[in-house]
């Protein structure tokens, strides 16, 4: 068994030219935790997810490397959070792209695939070796459907 067994070969994807606003709409409308981002040739670039979106509305001091670990002395309103998001809705999704999420190939053994999914805690992109083309995505639900039946 390999990763291909669990893979959704026709996942919802975002293009690198899509906006943060379009990504937010897709994520909220379908309750996605993350979506893969590809270029015009279908090459995988990274993942945009709810954490990347949260990073856009949190104070910079809280999300920068070696930044604050908590911010109990700061407060905000829902309108202020909306205003922060509005400042970036027309920006390309690449401003909050996570490129550090591991990927798997279609031939990756199934247990290695499941372990990677478990450790990364997000959907896995299945990427063609050599071309970098996105072949599909493996989510917890894809795995659950196969295992539960």
Protein backbone atom coordinates (compact mmCIF):
# COMPACT_ATOMS: atom_id res chain seq x y z
CA UNK A 1 0.00 0.00 0.00
CA UNK A 2 1.15 3.52 -0.82
CA UNK A 3 0.09 7.14 -0.41
CA UNK A 4 -1.83 6.92 -3.70
CA UNK A 5 -4.42 4.72 -1.95
CA UNK A 6 -5.44 7.57 0.37
CA UNK A 7 -5.05 10.45 -2.09
CA UNK A 8 -7.83 12.68 -3.41
CA UNK A 9 -6.67 13.15 -7.01
CA UNK A 10 -8.95 16.16 -7.59
CA UNK A 11 -8.51 18.40 -4.56
CA UNK A 12 -9.63 21.99 -4.30
CA UNK A 13 -6.56 24.13 -4.95
CA UNK A 14 -5.64 27.76 -4.96
CA UNK A 15 -3.43 29.43 -7.54
CA UNK A 16 -0.51 31.59 -6.50
CA UNK A 17 -2.36 34.51 -8.11
CA UNK A 18 -5.47 34.03 -5.94
CA UNK A 19 -6.02 36.59 -3.22
CA UNK A 20 -6.11 36.19 0.54
CA UNK A 21 -9.79 37.14 0.34
CA UNK A 22 -10.52 34.33 -2.12
CA UNK A 23 -8.63 31.88 0.08
CA UNK A 24 -10.56 32.99 3.16
CA UNK A 25 -13.84 32.50 1.29
CA UNK A 26 -12.90 28.95 0.23
CA UNK A 27 -11.62 28.00 3.68
CA UNK A 28 -14.70 29.35 5.46
CA UNK A 29 -17.28 28.11 2.94
CA UNK A 30 -16.03 24.53 3.04
CA UNK A 31 -14.47 24.45 6.52
CA UNK A 32 -11.07 23.51 5.13
CA UNK A 33 -8.14 23.56 7.52
CA UNK A 34 -5.76 24.12 4.63
CA UNK A 35 -5.54 24.21 0.86
CA UNK A 36 -2.61 23.57 -1.46
CA UNK A 37 -1.35 26.39 -3.65
CA UNK A 38 -0.02 25.73 -7.15
CA UNK A 39 1.47 27.82 -9.93
CA UNK A 40 0.12 28.08 -13.49
CA UNK A 41 1.81 24.77 -14.42
CA UNK A 42 0.27 22.92 -11.47
CA UNK A 43 3.51 22.78 -9.47
CA UNK A 44 3.01 22.64 -5.73
CA UNK A 45 4.19 25.77 -3.92
CA UNK A 46 2.93 25.25 -0.37
CA UNK A 47 -0.16 25.27 1.81
CA UNK A 48 -2.35 28.09 3.02
CA UNK A 49 -4.34 27.28 6.10
CA UNK A 50 -6.17 28.68 9.04
CA UNK A 51 -2.90 29.28 10.91
CA UNK A 52 -1.57 31.40 8.07
CA UNK A 53 -4.80 33.36 8.06
CA UNK A 54 -4.62 33.90 11.82
CA UNK A 55 -1.05 35.13 11.46
CA UNK A 56 -2.41 37.96 9.28
CA UNK A 57 -4.67 39.34 12.02
CA UNK A 58 -2.49 38.84 15.08
CA UNK A 59 -0.07 41.56 16.23
CA UNK A 60 3.32 41.29 14.54
CA UNK A 61 5.12 40.98 17.89
CA UNK A 62 3.19 37.78 18.60
CA UNK A 63 3.95 36.01 15.33
CA UNK A 64 7.53 37.04 14.59
CA UNK A 65 10.33 34.56 15.23
CA UNK A 66 11.28 34.69 18.91
CA UNK A 67 8.34 37.04 19.42
CA UNK A 68 6.02 37.26 22.38
CA UNK A 69 4.73 33.98 23.75
CA UNK A 70 1.58 35.53 25.19
CA UNK A 71 -0.11 38.91 25.04
CA UNK A 72 -2.53 39.23 27.98
CA UNK A 73 -1.93 42.97 28.25
CA UNK A 74 -3.16 43.61 24.70
CA UNK A 75 -6.77 43.73 23.65
CA UNK A 76 -8.61 44.10 20.40
CA UNK A 77 -12.10 44.21 19.01
CA UNK A 78 -13.75 42.21 16.29
CA UNK A 79 -13.81 45.34 14.14
CA UNK A 80 -10.04 45.75 14.56
CA UNK A 81 -9.45 42.14 13.52
CA UNK A 82 -11.68 42.66 10.48
CA UNK A 83 -9.75 45.82 9.62
CA UNK A 84 -6.43 43.93 9.78
CA UNK A 85 -7.81 41.30 7.43
CA UNK A 86 -9.23 43.94 5.09
CA UNK A 87 -5.73 45.40 4.66
CA UNK A 88 -4.55 42.17 3.02
CA UNK A 89 -7.63 40.68 1.28
CA UNK A 90 -6.38 41.81 -2.12
CA UNK A 91 -2.85 40.50 -1.58
CA UNK A 92 -1.79 37.20 -3.19
CA UNK A 93 -2.07 34.07 -1.04
CA UNK A 94 1.70 33.75 -1.20
CA UNK A 95 2.01 36.29 1.65
CA UNK A 96 0.86 33.63 4.10
CA UNK A 97 2.01 30.49 2.31
CA UNK A 98 3.53 27.72 4.44
CA UNK A 99 6.31 26.11 2.42
CA UNK A 100 7.74 24.02 5.28
CA UNK A 101 4.99 21.38 5.39
CA UNK A 102 6.38 17.99 4.31
CA UNK A 103 5.00 16.38 1.17
CA UNK A 104 4.81 12.76 0.08
CA UNK A 105 5.11 11.06 -3.27
CA UNK A 106 2.47 8.71 -4.65
CA UNK A 107 4.80 5.76 -3.98
CA UNK A 108 5.47 6.66 -0.33
CA UNK A 109 4.61 3.61 1.80
CA UNK A 110 1.25 3.97 3.53
CA UNK A 111 2.57 3.79 7.09
CA UNK A 112 5.17 6.48 6.35
CA UNK A 113 2.37 8.55 4.82
CA UNK A 114 0.15 8.16 7.89
CA UNK A 115 3.03 8.98 10.23
CA UNK A 116 3.80 12.14 8.26
CA UNK A 117 0.12 13.12 8.34
CA UNK A 118 0.04 12.51 12.10
CA UNK A 119 3.16 14.60 12.73
CA UNK A 120 2.32 17.54 10.48
CA UNK A 121 -1.30 17.86 11.66
CA UNK A 122 -2.42 19.19 8.28
CA UNK A 123 -3.37 17.79 4.89
CA UNK A 124 -0.50 16.34 2.88
CA UNK A 125 0.28 17.29 -0.67
CA UNK A 126 1.16 14.37 -2.93
CA UNK A 127 3.82 15.72 -5.25
CA UNK A 128 5.39 14.19 -8.35
CA UNK A 129 9.12 13.78 -7.90
CA UNK A 130 11.12 15.71 -10.45
CA UNK A 131 8.37 17.99 -11.74
CA UNK A 132 6.95 19.18 -8.42
CA UNK A 133 3.46 18.84 -9.89
CA UNK A 134 0.63 18.40 -7.38
CA UNK A 135 -0.98 15.00 -7.92
CA UNK A 136 -3.43 15.11 -5.05
CA UNK A 137 -3.98 15.72 -1.35
CA UNK A 138 -4.40 13.41 1.62
CA UNK A 139 -6.55 14.66 4.48
CA UNK A 140 -7.60 13.02 7.72
CA UNK A 141 -11.01 12.49 6.14
CA UNK A 142 -9.51 10.73 3.11
CA UNK A 143 -7.68 8.33 5.43
CA UNK A 144 -10.74 7.88 7.64
CA UNK A 145 -12.93 7.00 4.65
CA UNK A 146 -10.50 4.29 3.60
CA UNK A 147 -9.96 2.82 7.05
CA UNK A 148 -13.55 3.03 8.32
CA UNK A 149 -14.88 1.84 5.00
